Amino acid sequence: MTISAINPAARTYIYAGKPAEDEQGASSRPGEPIRVKLPAMAQAAAAQSAQQASASDDEPADPTERLLKQLEKQLQQVMQQIARLKASRIPGEQKAVQLNTLSAEAIQLQQQINSIQQQRLAAMKGAVTA
């Protein structure tokens, strides 16, 4: 028995090598496609397809742009950590050490973002003059 095609819209076609019966007693002939409905799997596949489509829409194709988005997301997460740390009840000394570490990480991420943006700007200026 070989699977010929899987359709995410709840249809799976299977070519049977010998007659078979399904749960309702429907039989098939050798080489004839059998239609099997898998609603739960179809819904999961449709949801996954939609999620992948939306992820590919959000994610830029340009590797530099993708890296820039990732760095910006990391910077946003670090800034959220800093805000949570400032609002926490951790003793002053521990808070200061952690704030220094997170601030240094935020500065490093911002420098990387600035560097990429400057490189892109220089590339754009070079493309305009060419």
Foldseek 3Di string as FASTA:
>chain_A
DAWDDDDLQFWTWDADQDWDQDPVGDIDHHRDTDTDGDPVSSVVSVVVVVVVVVVPVVADPDPLVNVLVVLVVVLVVLVVVLVVLVVDPDDPVVSVVVNVVSVVVNVVSVVVNVVSVVVVVVVVVVVVVD
